[in-house]
Amino acid sequence: MTAAGFDAAEVYVAPRNRDLFLPDRKEVGQLSADLLWVRAGSQEYYLDPAARFFPFGLLPWYETEAGGIRYDKHGGTVVTTPN
């Protein structure tokens, strides 16, 4: 994605059907799902390449409003995926 001129980063989240991510606990074992964050122009997308049969930009329910960490060139940022 970055080769195409988009900002992209890897995101690890705690799926809502398994865990609740609490950043203060510093328990990275909760982060069992990996996503991709992409910025295209002014729009941001959270994508799950492993979620088959989902339309572009749509996450499985257990990955929506899930807490996690986005890793990019500036370090890690605590994020919550959109609803």
C-alpha atoms as a PDB file:
ATOM      1  CA  MET A   1       0.000   0.000   0.000  1.00  0.00           C
ATOM      2  CA  THR A   2       2.770   2.448   0.816  1.00  0.00           C
ATOM      3  CA  ALA A   3       4.309   1.797  -2.608  1.00  0.00           C
ATOM      4  CA  ALA A   4       1.054   3.014  -4.168  1.00  0.00           C
ATOM      5  CA  GLY A   5       1.291   6.303  -2.257  1.00  0.00           C
ATOM      6  CA  PHE A   6      -1.137   5.510   0.572  1.00  0.00           C
ATOM      7  CA  ASP A   7      -0.311   5.774   4.261  1.00  0.00           C
ATOM      8  CA  ALA A   8      -0.655   2.302   5.750  1.00  0.00           C
ATOM      9  CA  ALA A   9       0.071   0.665   9.086  1.00  0.00           C
ATOM     10  CA  GLU A  10      -0.424  -2.633  10.838  1.00  0.00           C
ATOM     11  CA  VAL A  11      -3.047  -2.754  13.601  1.00  0.00           C
ATOM     12  CA  TYR A  12      -3.430  -5.414  16.280  1.00  0.00           C
ATOM     13  CA  VAL A  13      -6.783  -5.505  18.089  1.00  0.00           C
ATOM     14  CA  ALA A  14      -8.497  -7.529  20.792  1.00  0.00           C
ATOM     15  CA  PRO A  15     -11.664  -8.991  19.201  1.00  0.00           C
ATOM     16  CA  ARG A  16     -14.780  -8.092  21.199  1.00  0.00           C
ATOM     17  CA  ASN A  17     -15.975 -11.692  21.304  1.00  0.00           C
ATOM     18  CA  ARG A  18     -12.831 -12.785  23.175  1.00  0.00           C
ATOM     19  CA  ASP A  19     -11.161  -9.958  25.091  1.00  0.00           C
ATOM     20  CA  LEU A  20     -11.396  -6.374  26.235  1.00  0.00           C
ATOM     21  CA  PHE A  21      -8.245  -4.410  25.506  1.00  0.00           C
ATOM     22  CA  LEU A  22      -7.117  -2.343  28.474  1.00  0.00           C
ATOM     23  CA  PRO A  23      -4.013  -0.351  27.444  1.00  0.00           C
ATOM     24  CA  ASP A  24      -3.024   0.385  31.054  1.00  0.00           C
ATOM     25  CA  ARG A  25      -2.487  -3.324  31.735  1.00  0.00           C
ATOM     26  CA  LYS A  26       0.106  -3.547  28.947  1.00  0.00           C
ATOM     27  CA  GLU A  27      -1.111  -7.054  28.129  1.00  0.00           C
ATOM     28  CA  VAL A  28      -0.306  -7.516  24.443  1.00  0.00           C
ATOM     29  CA  GLY A  29      -1.467 -11.142  24.551  1.00  0.00           C
ATOM     30  CA  GLN A  30      -5.026  -9.820  24.171  1.00  0.00           C
ATOM     31  CA  LEU A  31      -4.237  -8.509  20.688  1.00  0.00           C
ATOM     32  CA  SER A  32      -5.033 -11.597  18.650  1.00  0.00           C
ATOM     33  CA  ALA A  33      -6.460 -10.094  15.437  1.00  0.00           C
ATOM     34  CA  ASP A  34      -4.384  -8.201  12.904  1.00  0.00           C
ATOM     35  CA  LEU A  35      -5.825  -5.545  10.617  1.00  0.00           C
ATOM     36  CA  LEU A  36      -4.582  -2.995   8.157  1.00  0.00           C
ATOM     37  CA  TRP A  37      -5.113   0.753   8.512  1.00  0.00           C
ATOM     38  CA  VAL A  38      -5.002   2.760   5.268  1.00  0.00           C
ATOM     39  CA  ARG A  39      -5.417   6.478   4.615  1.00  0.00           C
ATOM     40  CA  ALA A  40      -6.521   7.400   1.092  1.00  0.00           C
ATOM     41  CA  GLY A  41      -6.788  11.164   0.784  1.00  0.00           C
ATOM     42  CA  SER A  42      -8.790  12.330   3.800  1.00  0.00           C
ATOM     43  CA  GLN A  43     -10.541   8.959   4.340  1.00  0.00           C
ATOM     44  CA  GLU A  44      -9.287   6.286   6.758  1.00  0.00           C
ATOM     45  CA  TYR A  45     -10.048   2.581   6.358  1.00  0.00           C
ATOM     46  CA  TYR A  46      -9.592  -0.382   8.658  1.00  0.00           C
ATOM     47  CA  LEU A  47      -9.349  -3.565   6.598  1.00  0.00           C
ATOM     48  CA  ASP A  48      -9.103  -7.237   7.491  1.00  0.00           C
ATOM     49  CA  PRO A  49      -7.460  -9.091   4.602  1.00  0.00           C
ATOM     50  CA  ALA A  50      -8.349 -12.438   6.201  1.00  0.00           C
ATOM     51  CA  ALA A  51     -12.100 -11.693   6.384  1.00  0.00           C
ATOM     52  CA  ARG A  52     -13.379 -13.355   3.250  1.00  0.00           C
ATOM     53  CA  PHE A  53     -16.667 -12.365   1.641  1.00  0.00           C
ATOM     54  CA  PHE A  54     -16.836  -8.961   3.365  1.00  0.00           C
ATOM     55  CA  PRO A  55     -17.278  -5.854   1.199  1.00  0.00           C
ATOM     56  CA  PHE A  56     -14.440  -3.335   1.070  1.00  0.00           C
ATOM     57  CA  GLY A  57     -14.197  -1.331   4.292  1.00  0.00           C
ATOM     58  CA  LEU A  58     -16.515  -3.592   6.308  1.00  0.00           C
ATOM     59  CA  LEU A  59     -15.120  -5.479   9.309  1.00  0.00           C
ATOM     60  CA  PRO A  60     -16.616  -8.502  11.086  1.00  0.00           C
ATOM     61  CA  TRP A  61     -18.735  -7.393  14.065  1.00  0.00           C
ATOM     62  CA  TYR A  62     -16.207  -8.611  16.632  1.00  0.00           C
ATOM     63  CA  GLU A  63     -13.516  -6.339  15.146  1.00  0.00           C
ATOM     64  CA  THR A  64     -15.675  -3.184  15.230  1.00  0.00           C
ATOM     65  CA  GLU A  65     -15.237  -0.835  18.191  1.00  0.00           C
ATOM     66  CA  ALA A  66     -12.326  -3.031  19.246  1.00  0.00           C
ATOM     67  CA  GLY A  67      -9.363  -1.544  21.056  1.00  0.00           C
ATOM     68  CA  GLY A  68      -5.836  -2.129  19.889  1.00  0.00           C
ATOM     69  CA  ILE A  69      -2.507  -0.693  18.843  1.00  0.00           C
ATOM     70  CA  ARG A  70      -1.564   0.738  15.448  1.00  0.00           C
ATOM     71  CA  TYR A  71       2.126   0.401  14.603  1.00  0.00           C
ATOM     72  CA  ASP A  72       3.558   2.853  12.091  1.00  0.00           C
ATOM     73  CA  LYS A  73       6.837   4.647  11.442  1.00  0.00           C
ATOM     74  CA  HIS A  74       6.267   6.908  14.461  1.00  0.00           C
ATOM     75  CA  GLY A  75       5.731   4.058  16.960  1.00  0.00           C
ATOM     76  CA  GLY A  76       2.583   2.626  18.495  1.00  0.00           C
ATOM     77  CA  THR A  77      -0.745   4.421  18.974  1.00  0.00           C
ATOM     78  CA  VAL A  78      -3.710   3.143  20.951  1.00  0.00           C
ATOM     79  CA  VAL A  79      -6.760   3.068  18.642  1.00  0.00           C
ATOM     80  CA  THR A  80     -10.359   1.934  18.580  1.00  0.00           C
ATOM     81  CA  THR A  81     -11.738   0.616  15.297  1.00  0.00           C
ATOM     82  CA  PRO A  82     -14.865   2.338  13.948  1.00  0.00           C
ATOM     83  CA  ASN A  83     -18.356   1.000  14.515  1.00  0.00           C
END
